[in-house]
Amino acid sequence: MNVLRKLNKILERFEEFLLSFGIIIITVILVANVITRSFLNFSIKAAEEISTYLVLIVTFVAIAYAARYGKHIMMTIVLDLIPYKAKKVLMIVNSILCVVSLIFLAKISLDYVIYVYTMGRVTPALQMPAWWPVVIMPLGFALGSLQFLLAFIRNIRDKDNVYVGPERIYGTIDTDEMTL
């Protein structure tokens, strides 16, 4: 289990890197494109294409990141009103349903990647294989399902806490959620 934790930590750092730098690069590219269009009368040829692919990467990497920290959209009114044991059962069932759903979505998106691959198309501006940018879809869904699986395991093993994500206990407040 120690090896799994180390791998998960490496994966977490990689996700943070992709999310942070992806958003920064999107901003730099789009601002540079606006400046060149406005003042130099030309547009960066691949700016929109690169930005679109980076948005795709950030979106699907964020699935796993949000699941890890319990940051996904969650209606807690029911959890807030029910007793501890019911919370625990509900979060275990929720984790299982999320794992199954995300694996199903990973399968569908993998079929799509294979379809795009067999078409042999290339992207308009960068002229790279069109399946490269969409390969993040099944990976994002699979990594998200892994995080919900880890939350399921933590909820089974830890009898004292209810986990909404493998790194977050229900009812705890992160510093980024605190208000003045």
N, C-alpha and C. Protein backbone atom coordinates (compact mmCIF):
# COMPACT_ATOMS: atom_id res chain seq x y z
N MET A 1 0.83 -1.21 0.00
CA MET A 1 0.00 0.00 0.00
C MET A 1 0.86 1.26 0.00
N ASN A 2 2.06 1.17 0.58
CA ASN A 2 2.95 2.31 0.62
C ASN A 2 3.38 2.74 -0.79
N VAL A 3 3.60 1.77 -1.68
CA VAL A 3 3.96 2.07 -3.07
C VAL A 3 2.80 2.78 -3.76
N LEU A 4 1.59 2.33 -3.49
CA LEU A 4 0.40 2.96 -4.08
C LEU A 4 0.28 4.41 -3.62
N ARG A 5 0.56 4.68 -2.36
CA ARG A 5 0.50 6.05 -1.86
C ARG A 5 1.55 6.93 -2.53
N LYS A 6 2.75 6.39 -2.72
CA LYS A 6 3.79 7.16 -3.39
C LYS A 6 3.42 7.45 -4.84
N LEU A 7 2.87 6.45 -5.52
CA LEU A 7 2.44 6.65 -6.91
C LEU A 7 1.31 7.68 -6.99
N ASN A 8 0.40 7.61 -6.03
CA ASN A 8 -0.71 8.54 -5.99
C ASN A 8 -0.20 9.96 -5.73
N LYS A 9 0.81 10.10 -4.90
CA LYS A 9 1.40 11.41 -4.61
C LYS A 9 2.09 11.97 -5.86
N ILE A 10 2.80 11.11 -6.58
CA ILE A 10 3.44 11.54 -7.84
C ILE A 10 2.37 11.98 -8.84
N LEU A 11 1.30 11.20 -8.92
CA LEU A 11 0.19 11.53 -9.82
C LEU A 11 -0.44 12.86 -9.42
N GLU A 12 -0.59 13.09 -8.13
CA GLU A 12 -1.15 14.35 -7.64
C GLU A 12 -0.29 15.53 -8.07
N ARG A 13 1.01 15.42 -7.93
CA ARG A 13 1.92 16.51 -8.32
C ARG A 13 1.84 16.75 -9.83
N PHE A 14 1.76 15.67 -10.60
CA PHE A 14 1.65 15.79 -12.05
C PHE A 14 0.34 16.48 -12.43
N GLU A 15 -0.75 16.12 -11.76
CA GLU A 15 -2.04 16.77 -12.00
C GLU A 15 -1.96 18.26 -11.69
N GLU A 16 -1.36 18.59 -10.55
CA GLU A 16 -1.22 20.00 -10.17
C GLU A 16 -0.40 20.77 -11.20
N PHE A 17 0.67 20.14 -11.69
CA PHE A 17 1.50 20.76 -12.72
C PHE A 17 0.68 21.03 -13.98
N LEU A 18 -0.03 20.00 -14.46
CA LEU A 18 -0.82 20.16 -15.69
C LEU A 18 -1.91 21.22 -15.53
N LEU A 19 -2.59 21.21 -14.39
CA LEU A 19 -3.65 22.19 -14.17
C LEU A 19 -3.09 23.61 -14.10
N SER A 20 -2.05 23.79 -13.32
CA SER A 20 -1.48 25.13 -13.14
C SER A 20 -0.90 25.68 -14.44
N PHE A 21 0.00 24.92 -15.03
CA PHE A 21 0.66 25.41 -16.23
C PHE A 21 -0.27 25.42 -17.44
N GLY A 22 -1.23 24.53 -17.47
CA GLY A 22 -2.21 24.56 -18.56
C GLY A 22 -2.98 25.87 -18.57
N ILE A 23 -3.44 26.30 -17.41
CA ILE A 23 -4.19 27.55 -17.33
C ILE A 23 -3.30 28.75 -17.62
N ILE A 24 -2.07 28.71 -17.11
CA ILE A 24 -1.13 29.80 -17.37
C ILE A 24 -0.83 29.90 -18.87
N ILE A 25 -0.57 28.78 -19.50
CA ILE A 25 -0.24 28.79 -20.93
C ILE A 25 -1.44 29.24 -21.77
N ILE A 26 -2.63 28.80 -21.40
CA ILE A 26 -3.84 29.27 -22.10
C ILE A 26 -3.91 30.80 -22.04
N THR A 27 -3.72 31.33 -20.86
CA THR A 27 -3.79 32.79 -20.67
C THR A 27 -2.73 33.50 -21.50
N VAL A 28 -1.50 33.04 -21.44
CA VAL A 28 -0.41 33.68 -22.18
C VAL A 28 -0.67 33.64 -23.68
N ILE A 29 -1.08 32.47 -24.19
CA ILE A 29 -1.31 32.33 -25.63
C ILE A 29 -2.44 33.24 -26.09
N LEU A 30 -3.55 33.25 -25.35
CA LEU A 30 -4.69 34.06 -25.79
C LEU A 30 -4.42 35.55 -25.67
N VAL A 31 -3.74 35.96 -24.60
CA VAL A 31 -3.40 37.38 -24.46
C VAL A 31 -2.42 37.79 -25.56
N ALA A 32 -1.42 36.95 -25.82
CA ALA A 32 -0.47 37.25 -26.89
C ALA A 32 -1.17 37.34 -28.23
N ASN A 33 -2.14 36.46 -28.46
CA ASN A 33 -2.87 36.50 -29.73
C ASN A 33 -3.70 37.78 -29.85
N VAL A 34 -4.31 38.22 -28.77
CA VAL A 34 -5.08 39.46 -28.80
C VAL A 34 -4.15 40.64 -29.08
N ILE A 35 -3.00 40.66 -28.44
CA ILE A 35 -2.05 41.77 -28.64
C ILE A 35 -1.54 41.78 -30.08
N THR A 36 -1.16 40.62 -30.59
CA THR A 36 -0.65 40.59 -31.97
C THR A 36 -1.73 40.96 -32.98
N ARG A 37 -2.96 40.53 -32.72
CA ARG A 37 -4.06 40.89 -33.63
C ARG A 37 -4.36 42.37 -33.57
N SER A 38 -4.35 42.93 -32.37
CA SER A 38 -4.73 44.34 -32.19
C SER A 38 -3.65 45.31 -32.65
N PHE A 39 -2.40 45.00 -32.36
CA PHE A 39 -1.34 45.98 -32.61
C PHE A 39 -0.43 45.64 -33.79
N LEU A 40 -0.34 44.37 -34.13
CA LEU A 40 0.57 43.99 -35.21
C LEU A 40 -0.15 43.45 -36.44
N ASN A 41 -1.48 43.41 -36.36
CA ASN A 41 -2.33 42.99 -37.47
C ASN A 41 -2.05 41.58 -37.99
N PHE A 42 -1.69 40.69 -37.12
CA PHE A 42 -1.61 39.27 -37.49
C PHE A 42 -2.02 38.43 -36.29
N SER A 43 -2.41 37.23 -36.58
CA SER A 43 -2.87 36.32 -35.54
C SER A 43 -1.92 35.14 -35.43
N ILE A 44 -1.75 34.65 -34.22
CA ILE A 44 -0.94 33.45 -34.02
C ILE A 44 -1.74 32.28 -34.56
N LYS A 45 -1.20 31.61 -35.55
CA LYS A 45 -1.92 30.60 -36.32
C LYS A 45 -2.60 29.53 -35.47
N ALA A 46 -1.89 28.99 -34.52
CA ALA A 46 -2.41 27.85 -33.76
C ALA A 46 -2.93 28.21 -32.37
N ALA A 47 -3.10 29.50 -32.08
CA ALA A 47 -3.47 29.92 -30.73
C ALA A 47 -4.78 29.29 -30.24
N GLU A 48 -5.81 29.36 -31.07
CA GLU A 48 -7.11 28.82 -30.65
C GLU A 48 -7.06 27.30 -30.53
N GLU A 49 -6.35 26.67 -31.43
CA GLU A 49 -6.25 25.21 -31.40
C GLU A 49 -5.50 24.73 -30.15
N ILE A 50 -4.37 25.35 -29.87
CA ILE A 50 -3.60 24.99 -28.67
C ILE A 50 -4.43 25.25 -27.41
N SER A 51 -5.09 26.39 -27.36
CA SER A 51 -5.90 26.73 -26.19
C SER A 51 -7.05 25.74 -26.01
N THR A 52 -7.67 25.35 -27.09
CA THR A 52 -8.76 24.37 -27.01
C THR A 52 -8.26 23.06 -26.45
N TYR A 53 -7.10 22.60 -26.92
CA TYR A 53 -6.56 21.33 -26.43
C TYR A 53 -6.13 21.43 -24.98
N LEU A 54 -5.62 22.59 -24.59
CA LEU A 54 -5.24 22.77 -23.19
C LEU A 54 -6.47 22.82 -22.28
N VAL A 55 -7.55 23.43 -22.76
CA VAL A 55 -8.80 23.41 -21.99
C VAL A 55 -9.28 21.97 -21.81
N LEU A 56 -9.17 21.18 -22.86
CA LEU A 56 -9.55 19.76 -22.79
C LEU A 56 -8.70 19.04 -21.73
N ILE A 57 -7.39 19.27 -21.77
CA ILE A 57 -6.50 18.62 -20.80
C ILE A 57 -6.83 19.06 -19.38
N VAL A 58 -6.98 20.36 -19.17
CA VAL A 58 -7.27 20.88 -17.83
C VAL A 58 -8.60 20.31 -17.32
N THR A 59 -9.60 20.25 -18.18
CA THR A 59 -10.91 19.75 -17.77
C THR A 59 -10.85 18.30 -17.32
N PHE A 60 -10.20 17.46 -18.09
CA PHE A 60 -10.22 16.03 -17.77
C PHE A 60 -9.22 15.67 -16.67
N VAL A 61 -8.15 16.42 -16.53
CA VAL A 61 -7.25 16.19 -15.39
C VAL A 61 -7.93 16.65 -14.11
N ALA A 62 -8.75 17.70 -14.21
CA ALA A 62 -9.45 18.23 -13.04
C ALA A 62 -10.46 17.24 -12.48
N ILE A 63 -10.94 16.30 -13.28
CA ILE A 63 -11.86 15.28 -12.76
C ILE A 63 -11.21 14.52 -11.62
N ALA A 64 -9.99 14.04 -11.85
CA ALA A 64 -9.29 13.27 -10.81
C ALA A 64 -8.91 14.17 -9.64
N TYR A 65 -8.47 15.37 -9.94
CA TYR A 65 -8.05 16.28 -8.88
C TYR A 65 -9.23 16.64 -7.97
N ALA A 66 -10.38 16.93 -8.57
CA ALA A 66 -11.57 17.25 -7.80
C ALA A 66 -12.04 16.05 -6.98
N ALA A 67 -11.98 14.87 -7.55
CA ALA A 67 -12.39 13.66 -6.83
C ALA A 67 -11.46 13.40 -5.65
N ARG A 68 -10.18 13.64 -5.83
CA ARG A 68 -9.19 13.41 -4.77
C ARG A 68 -9.50 14.24 -3.53
N TYR A 69 -9.88 15.48 -3.73
CA TYR A 69 -10.11 16.39 -2.61
C TYR A 69 -11.59 16.64 -2.30
N GLY A 70 -12.46 15.85 -2.88
CA GLY A 70 -13.88 16.01 -2.61
C GLY A 70 -14.39 17.37 -3.06
N LYS A 71 -13.86 17.88 -4.15
CA LYS A 71 -14.23 19.20 -4.66
C LYS A 71 -15.29 19.13 -5.75
N HIS A 72 -15.73 17.93 -6.07
CA HIS A 72 -16.76 17.78 -7.10
C HIS A 72 -18.08 18.31 -6.57
N ILE A 73 -18.99 18.58 -7.47
CA ILE A 73 -20.31 19.08 -7.08
C ILE A 73 -21.00 18.03 -6.23
N MET A 74 -21.49 18.46 -5.08
CA MET A 74 -22.11 17.51 -4.16
C MET A 74 -23.24 18.21 -3.42
N MET A 75 -24.38 17.58 -3.42
CA MET A 75 -25.52 18.10 -2.67
C MET A 75 -25.45 17.50 -1.27
N THR A 76 -25.11 18.32 -0.30
CA THR A 76 -24.87 17.80 1.05
C THR A 76 -26.06 17.92 1.99
N ILE A 77 -27.16 18.45 1.51
CA ILE A 77 -28.29 18.64 2.43
C ILE A 77 -28.73 17.32 3.06
N VAL A 78 -28.74 16.25 2.26
CA VAL A 78 -29.12 14.94 2.81
C VAL A 78 -28.06 14.46 3.79
N LEU A 79 -26.79 14.58 3.42
CA LEU A 79 -25.71 14.16 4.32
C LEU A 79 -25.73 14.94 5.63
N ASP A 80 -26.07 16.20 5.56
CA ASP A 80 -26.10 17.03 6.77
C ASP A 80 -27.20 16.60 7.73
N LEU A 81 -28.24 15.98 7.22
CA LEU A 81 -29.40 15.65 8.06
C LEU A 81 -29.43 14.21 8.57
N ILE A 82 -28.67 13.33 7.96
CA ILE A 82 -28.76 11.91 8.33
C ILE A 82 -27.68 11.54 9.35
N PRO A 83 -27.92 10.46 10.11
CA PRO A 83 -26.94 10.03 11.12
C PRO A 83 -25.64 9.50 10.49
N TYR A 84 -24.62 9.37 11.32
CA TYR A 84 -23.27 8.98 10.87
C TYR A 84 -23.27 7.70 10.05
N LYS A 85 -23.90 6.63 10.53
CA LYS A 85 -23.86 5.35 9.81
C LYS A 85 -24.49 5.47 8.43
N ALA A 86 -25.56 6.23 8.33
CA ALA A 86 -26.20 6.43 7.03
C ALA A 86 -25.30 7.24 6.11
N LYS A 87 -24.59 8.23 6.67
CA LYS A 87 -23.61 9.00 5.87
C LYS A 87 -22.56 8.07 5.30
N LYS A 88 -22.06 7.19 6.15
CA LYS A 88 -21.00 6.27 5.76
C LYS A 88 -21.48 5.38 4.62
N VAL A 89 -22.67 4.80 4.77
CA VAL A 89 -23.23 3.92 3.74
C VAL A 89 -23.46 4.70 2.45
N LEU A 90 -24.01 5.89 2.57
CA LEU A 90 -24.30 6.71 1.39
C LEU A 90 -23.01 7.06 0.63
N MET A 91 -21.95 7.39 1.35
CA MET A 91 -20.69 7.73 0.68
C MET A 91 -20.03 6.49 0.07
N ILE A 92 -20.21 5.34 0.66
CA ILE A 92 -19.69 4.10 0.07
C ILE A 92 -20.43 3.80 -1.23
N VAL A 93 -21.76 3.91 -1.19
CA VAL A 93 -22.57 3.68 -2.39
C VAL A 93 -22.23 4.74 -3.45
N ASN A 94 -22.10 5.99 -3.04
CA ASN A 94 -21.74 7.06 -3.97
C ASN A 94 -20.40 6.77 -4.65
N SER A 95 -19.42 6.32 -3.87
CA SER A 95 -18.10 6.01 -4.44
C SER A 95 -18.20 4.90 -5.47
N ILE A 96 -18.95 3.87 -5.15
CA ILE A 96 -19.11 2.75 -6.09
C ILE A 96 -19.79 3.22 -7.38
N LEU A 97 -20.85 4.00 -7.23
CA LEU A 97 -21.57 4.50 -8.41
C LEU A 97 -20.67 5.40 -9.26
N CYS A 98 -19.86 6.21 -8.61
CA CYS A 98 -18.94 7.08 -9.36
C CYS A 98 -17.87 6.27 -10.07
N VAL A 99 -17.34 5.23 -9.42
CA VAL A 99 -16.34 4.38 -10.08
C VAL A 99 -16.95 3.73 -11.32
N VAL A 100 -18.12 3.16 -11.17
CA VAL A 100 -18.78 2.48 -12.29
C VAL A 100 -19.09 3.47 -13.41
N SER A 101 -19.63 4.63 -13.06
CA SER A 101 -19.98 5.64 -14.06
C SER A 101 -18.75 6.14 -14.81
N LEU A 102 -17.68 6.42 -14.08
CA LEU A 102 -16.48 6.94 -14.73
C LEU A 102 -15.78 5.88 -15.58
N ILE A 103 -15.83 4.63 -15.15
CA ILE A 103 -15.27 3.56 -15.99
C ILE A 103 -16.08 3.43 -17.28
N PHE A 104 -17.40 3.53 -17.16
CA PHE A 104 -18.27 3.49 -18.35
C PHE A 104 -17.93 4.65 -19.30
N LEU A 105 -17.77 5.86 -18.75
CA LEU A 105 -17.41 7.02 -19.57
C LEU A 105 -16.01 6.86 -20.16
N ALA A 106 -15.10 6.25 -19.41
CA ALA A 106 -13.75 6.00 -19.95
C ALA A 106 -13.83 5.06 -21.14
N LYS A 107 -14.67 4.04 -21.04
CA LYS A 107 -14.83 3.09 -22.14
C LYS A 107 -15.41 3.78 -23.39
N ILE A 108 -16.44 4.59 -23.18
CA ILE A 108 -17.05 5.30 -24.31
C ILE A 108 -16.04 6.26 -24.95
N SER A 109 -15.30 6.98 -24.12
CA SER A 109 -14.34 7.94 -24.67
C SER A 109 -13.15 7.23 -25.30
N LEU A 110 -12.78 6.05 -24.80
CA LEU A 110 -11.73 5.27 -25.45
C LEU A 110 -12.18 4.81 -26.83
N ASP A 111 -13.44 4.40 -26.93
CA ASP A 111 -13.99 4.04 -28.25
C ASP A 111 -13.93 5.23 -29.20
N TYR A 112 -14.19 6.42 -28.67
CA TYR A 112 -14.12 7.63 -29.50
C TYR A 112 -12.68 7.89 -29.95
N VAL A 113 -11.72 7.74 -29.04
CA VAL A 113 -10.31 7.93 -29.40
C VAL A 113 -9.91 6.96 -30.51
N ILE A 114 -10.34 5.71 -30.38
CA ILE A 114 -10.03 4.70 -31.40
C ILE A 114 -10.67 5.08 -32.73
N TYR A 115 -11.90 5.57 -32.68
CA TYR A 115 -12.60 6.00 -33.90
C TYR A 115 -11.83 7.14 -34.58
N VAL A 116 -11.43 8.15 -33.79
CA VAL A 116 -10.69 9.28 -34.35
C VAL A 116 -9.35 8.80 -34.91
N TYR A 117 -8.72 7.87 -34.23
CA TYR A 117 -7.44 7.31 -34.69
C TYR A 117 -7.60 6.61 -36.04
N THR A 118 -8.67 5.81 -36.18
CA THR A 118 -8.88 5.06 -37.43
C THR A 118 -9.21 5.98 -38.60
N MET A 119 -9.72 7.16 -38.31
CA MET A 119 -10.03 8.11 -39.39
C MET A 119 -8.75 8.69 -39.99
N GLY A 120 -7.67 8.71 -39.22
CA GLY A 120 -6.40 9.20 -39.73
C GLY A 120 -6.32 10.70 -39.95
N ARG A 121 -7.21 11.45 -39.34
CA ARG A 121 -7.22 12.90 -39.53
C ARG A 121 -6.10 13.57 -38.76
N VAL A 122 -5.75 14.78 -39.20
CA VAL A 122 -4.80 15.61 -38.49
C VAL A 122 -5.47 16.93 -38.13
N THR A 123 -4.92 17.61 -37.13
CA THR A 123 -5.51 18.88 -36.71
C THR A 123 -5.17 19.96 -37.73
N PRO A 124 -6.02 20.98 -37.86
CA PRO A 124 -5.84 21.97 -38.92
C PRO A 124 -4.55 22.80 -38.79
N ALA A 125 -4.29 23.35 -37.63
CA ALA A 125 -3.15 24.27 -37.50
C ALA A 125 -1.84 23.56 -37.18
N LEU A 126 -1.88 22.63 -36.27
CA LEU A 126 -0.64 21.98 -35.83
C LEU A 126 -0.27 20.76 -36.67
N GLN A 127 -1.21 20.26 -37.46
CA GLN A 127 -0.99 19.09 -38.31
C GLN A 127 -0.51 17.87 -37.53
N MET A 128 -1.04 17.70 -36.32
CA MET A 128 -0.71 16.51 -35.53
C MET A 128 -1.90 15.57 -35.59
N PRO A 129 -1.70 14.29 -35.29
CA PRO A 129 -2.83 13.36 -35.32
C PRO A 129 -3.97 13.84 -34.42
N ALA A 130 -5.17 13.82 -34.94
CA ALA A 130 -6.33 14.36 -34.23
C ALA A 130 -6.68 13.58 -32.98
N TRP A 131 -6.21 12.36 -32.85
CA TRP A 131 -6.54 11.57 -31.67
C TRP A 131 -5.67 11.95 -30.47
N TRP A 132 -4.53 12.59 -30.68
CA TRP A 132 -3.65 12.96 -29.57
C TRP A 132 -4.35 13.82 -28.52
N PRO A 133 -5.03 14.90 -28.91
CA PRO A 133 -5.66 15.74 -27.88
C PRO A 133 -6.79 15.05 -27.11
N VAL A 134 -7.50 14.14 -27.77
CA VAL A 134 -8.66 13.53 -27.10
C VAL A 134 -8.30 12.30 -26.27
N VAL A 135 -7.05 11.88 -26.32
CA VAL A 135 -6.64 10.72 -25.52
C VAL A 135 -6.73 11.03 -24.02
N ILE A 136 -6.76 12.32 -23.68
CA ILE A 136 -6.88 12.72 -22.27
C ILE A 136 -8.26 12.35 -21.71
N MET A 137 -9.26 12.22 -22.55
CA MET A 137 -10.62 11.93 -22.07
C MET A 137 -10.69 10.59 -21.32
N PRO A 138 -10.33 9.46 -21.93
CA PRO A 138 -10.40 8.22 -21.16
C PRO A 138 -9.42 8.21 -19.98
N LEU A 139 -8.29 8.87 -20.14
CA LEU A 139 -7.33 8.94 -19.02
C LEU A 139 -7.93 9.71 -17.84
N GLY A 140 -8.56 10.84 -18.12
CA GLY A 140 -9.18 11.64 -17.06
C GLY A 140 -10.28 10.88 -16.34
N PHE A 141 -11.13 10.20 -17.12
CA PHE A 141 -12.19 9.40 -16.50
C PHE A 141 -11.62 8.25 -15.68
N ALA A 142 -10.59 7.60 -16.19
CA ALA A 142 -9.97 6.47 -15.47
C ALA A 142 -9.31 6.96 -14.18
N LEU A 143 -8.61 8.08 -14.24
CA LEU A 143 -7.97 8.61 -13.04
C LEU A 143 -9.01 9.07 -12.01
N GLY A 144 -10.10 9.63 -12.49
CA GLY A 144 -11.20 10.00 -11.59
C GLY A 144 -11.79 8.78 -10.91
N SER A 145 -11.98 7.70 -11.67
CA SER A 145 -12.52 6.47 -11.08
C SER A 145 -11.56 5.90 -10.05
N LEU A 146 -10.26 6.03 -10.30
CA LEU A 146 -9.26 5.58 -9.33
C LEU A 146 -9.40 6.35 -8.02
N GLN A 147 -9.61 7.64 -8.10
CA GLN A 147 -9.76 8.44 -6.88
C GLN A 147 -11.02 8.06 -6.10
N PHE A 148 -12.12 7.80 -6.81
CA PHE A 148 -13.33 7.37 -6.11
C PHE A 148 -13.16 5.97 -5.52
N LEU A 149 -12.38 5.13 -6.20
CA LEU A 149 -12.07 3.81 -5.65
C LEU A 149 -11.26 3.96 -4.36
N LEU A 150 -10.30 4.86 -4.36
CA LEU A 150 -9.52 5.11 -3.14
C LEU A 150 -10.40 5.67 -2.02
N ALA A 151 -11.36 6.52 -2.35
CA ALA A 151 -12.29 7.03 -1.35
C ALA A 151 -13.14 5.89 -0.79
N PHE A 152 -13.57 4.99 -1.66
CA PHE A 152 -14.33 3.81 -1.24
C PHE A 152 -13.51 2.99 -0.24
N ILE A 153 -12.25 2.74 -0.57
CA ILE A 153 -11.37 1.94 0.30
C ILE A 153 -11.18 2.64 1.64
N ARG A 154 -10.97 3.95 1.61
CA ARG A 154 -10.79 4.69 2.87
C ARG A 154 -12.05 4.64 3.72
N ASN A 155 -13.21 4.72 3.09
CA ASN A 155 -14.46 4.64 3.84
C ASN A 155 -14.68 3.25 4.44
N ILE A 156 -14.21 2.23 3.77
CA ILE A 156 -14.34 0.86 4.30
C ILE A 156 -13.37 0.66 5.47
N ARG A 157 -12.14 1.11 5.30
CA ARG A 157 -11.09 0.87 6.30
C ARG A 157 -11.20 1.74 7.54
N ASP A 158 -11.53 3.01 7.35
CA ASP A 158 -11.58 3.96 8.47
C ASP A 158 -13.01 4.03 9.00
N LYS A 159 -13.21 3.47 10.17
CA LYS A 159 -14.56 3.41 10.75
C LYS A 159 -14.98 4.72 11.41
N ASP A 160 -14.01 5.63 11.64
CA ASP A 160 -14.31 6.85 12.40
C ASP A 160 -14.65 8.06 11.54
N ASN A 161 -14.32 8.00 10.25
CA ASN A 161 -14.52 9.17 9.39
C ASN A 161 -15.28 8.80 8.13
N VAL A 162 -15.95 9.80 7.56
CA VAL A 162 -16.63 9.66 6.28
C VAL A 162 -15.83 10.46 5.26
N TYR A 163 -15.35 9.79 4.22
CA TYR A 163 -14.51 10.43 3.21
C TYR A 163 -15.33 10.78 1.98
N VAL A 164 -15.24 12.05 1.56
CA VAL A 164 -15.87 12.48 0.31
C VAL A 164 -14.88 12.36 -0.85
N GLY A 165 -13.64 12.21 -0.53
CA GLY A 165 -12.54 11.97 -1.47
C GLY A 165 -11.44 11.31 -0.67
N PRO A 166 -10.51 10.66 -1.31
CA PRO A 166 -9.47 9.96 -0.54
C PRO A 166 -8.62 10.88 0.32
N GLU A 167 -8.63 12.18 0.03
CA GLU A 167 -7.84 13.13 0.80
C GLU A 167 -8.70 14.10 1.61
N ARG A 168 -10.02 13.84 1.70
CA ARG A 168 -10.88 14.79 2.40
C ARG A 168 -11.98 14.09 3.19
N ILE A 169 -12.05 14.46 4.45
CA ILE A 169 -13.07 13.93 5.35
C ILE A 169 -14.29 14.85 5.28
N TYR A 170 -15.47 14.25 5.27
CA TYR A 170 -16.72 15.02 5.24
C TYR A 170 -16.79 15.95 6.45
N GLY A 171 -17.17 17.18 6.19
CA GLY A 171 -17.34 18.14 7.26
C GLY A 171 -16.12 19.00 7.52
N THR A 172 -14.99 18.67 6.92
CA THR A 172 -13.81 19.52 7.10
C THR A 172 -13.85 20.65 6.08
N ILE A 173 -13.26 21.76 6.46
CA ILE A 173 -13.23 22.93 5.59
C ILE A 173 -11.80 23.18 5.17
N ASP A 174 -11.59 23.27 3.85
CA ASP A 174 -10.27 23.62 3.35
C ASP A 174 -10.05 25.11 3.50
N THR A 175 -8.80 25.50 3.54
CA THR A 175 -8.49 26.92 3.68
C THR A 175 -9.01 27.74 2.50
N ASP A 176 -9.08 27.13 1.31
CA ASP A 176 -9.59 27.87 0.16
C ASP A 176 -11.10 28.01 0.17
N GLU A 177 -11.77 27.37 1.12
CA GLU A 177 -13.22 27.48 1.22
C GLU A 177 -13.64 28.44 2.33
N MET A 178 -12.69 28.90 3.10
CA MET A 178 -13.01 29.78 4.22
C MET A 178 -13.41 31.15 3.71
N THR A 179 -14.38 31.73 4.36
CA THR A 179 -14.84 33.07 3.98
C THR A 179 -14.54 34.03 5.13
N LEU A 180 -14.49 35.29 4.78
CA LEU A 180 -14.22 36.31 5.81
C LEU A 180 -15.44 36.65 6.59
